[in-house]
């Protein structure tokens, strides 16, 4: 099962594994950078929308009634709400 392994083979295997680990670390850093970049984009977008909403409230504009659901309406059949999905999973 186990054969004789020379020191040169072990060193070669060690170099290969070290290179693979370094490559994985670089990839992990790239992913972390991209994630942080996208997170900052969405965070600034959210801040901009929040600022716009507050300025609209101060100016008395309010939200548009077209986007809000009329009171007393039920969700469209076949499209369950998030609460219904959680109930089906047994979490709520």
Protein backbone atom coordinates (compact mmCIF):
# COMPACT_ATOMS: atom_id res chain seq x y z
CA UNK A 1 0.00 0.00 0.00
CA UNK A 2 2.65 2.49 0.98
CA UNK A 3 5.63 2.64 -1.29
CA UNK A 4 8.93 4.29 -0.82
CA UNK A 5 8.71 8.02 -1.23
CA UNK A 6 11.82 10.03 -1.83
CA UNK A 7 12.59 13.33 -0.20
CA UNK A 8 12.45 15.04 -3.62
CA UNK A 9 8.92 13.73 -4.21
CA UNK A 10 7.82 14.98 -0.79
CA UNK A 11 9.33 18.40 -1.45
CA UNK A 12 7.63 18.56 -4.87
CA UNK A 13 4.29 17.63 -3.30
CA UNK A 14 4.85 20.25 -0.61
CA UNK A 15 5.55 22.94 -3.25
CA UNK A 16 2.42 21.97 -5.18
CA UNK A 17 0.24 22.14 -2.08
CA UNK A 18 1.78 25.45 -1.02
CA UNK A 19 1.08 26.93 -4.45
CA UNK A 20 -2.51 25.67 -4.33
CA UNK A 21 -3.04 27.18 -0.87
CA UNK A 22 -1.63 30.52 -2.04
CA UNK A 23 -3.93 30.44 -5.06
CA UNK A 24 -6.95 29.74 -2.85
CA UNK A 25 -6.02 32.59 -0.52
CA UNK A 26 -5.74 35.01 -3.46
CA UNK A 27 -9.13 33.87 -4.72
CA UNK A 28 -10.63 34.32 -1.24
CA UNK A 29 -9.23 37.86 -1.06
CA UNK A 30 -10.69 38.68 -4.48
CA UNK A 31 -14.11 37.38 -3.46
CA UNK A 32 -13.99 39.36 -0.20
CA UNK A 33 -13.07 42.51 -2.14
CA UNK A 34 -15.89 42.04 -4.65
CA UNK A 35 -18.39 41.34 -1.88
CA UNK A 36 -17.34 44.48 0.00
CA UNK A 37 -17.61 46.53 -3.19
CA UNK A 38 -21.16 45.32 -3.90
CA UNK A 39 -22.16 45.72 -0.27
CA UNK A 40 -21.01 49.36 -0.36
CA UNK A 41 -22.97 49.95 -3.57
CA UNK A 42 -26.19 48.64 -2.03
CA UNK A 43 -25.55 50.45 1.24
CA UNK A 44 -25.11 53.77 -0.55
CA UNK A 45 -28.19 53.08 -2.71
CA UNK A 46 -30.23 52.35 0.41
CA UNK A 47 -28.97 55.54 2.06
CA UNK A 48 -29.85 57.55 -1.04
CA UNK A 49 -33.36 56.08 -1.18
CA UNK A 50 -33.88 56.68 2.54
CA UNK A 51 -32.74 60.29 2.14
CA UNK A 52 -35.10 60.76 -0.82
CA UNK A 53 -38.00 59.28 1.17
CA UNK A 54 -37.33 61.56 4.14
CA UNK A 55 -37.10 64.64 1.94
CA UNK A 56 -40.38 63.65 0.28
CA UNK A 57 -42.03 63.35 3.71
CA UNK A 58 -40.72 66.76 4.73
CA UNK A 59 -42.00 68.31 1.50
CA UNK A 60 -45.40 66.67 2.01
CA UNK A 61 -45.21 64.52 -1.08
CA UNK A 62 -45.51 61.12 0.64
CA UNK A 63 -45.52 57.83 -1.16
CA UNK A 64 -47.44 57.22 -4.33
CA UNK A 65 -50.72 55.37 -3.76
CA UNK A 66 -50.16 53.27 -6.90
CA UNK A 67 -47.35 51.34 -5.23
CA UNK A 68 -49.20 50.56 -2.02
CA UNK A 69 -51.70 47.73 -1.80
CA UNK A 70 -55.25 48.85 -1.03
CA UNK A 71 -56.35 48.10 2.50
CA UNK A 72 -58.15 44.80 3.03
CA UNK A 73 -56.67 43.12 -0.04
CA UNK A 74 -55.50 39.54 0.01
CA UNK A 75 -52.34 38.26 -1.67
CA UNK A 76 -52.82 36.90 -5.18
CA UNK A 77 -53.72 33.24 -5.06
CA UNK A 78 -50.73 31.09 -5.90
CA UNK A 79 -48.22 33.66 -4.60
CA UNK A 80 -47.81 32.94 -0.88
CA UNK A 81 -46.51 35.59 1.45
CA UNK A 82 -43.25 35.16 3.33
CA UNK A 83 -45.15 34.40 6.53
CA UNK A 84 -47.09 31.61 4.83
CA UNK A 85 -43.85 30.10 3.53
CA UNK A 86 -42.36 30.18 7.03
CA UNK A 87 -45.47 28.53 8.45
CA UNK A 88 -45.19 25.73 5.91
CA UNK A 89 -41.62 25.14 7.01
CA UNK A 90 -42.73 25.11 10.63
CA UNK A 91 -40.66 28.10 11.72
CA UNK A 92 -43.44 30.52 12.61
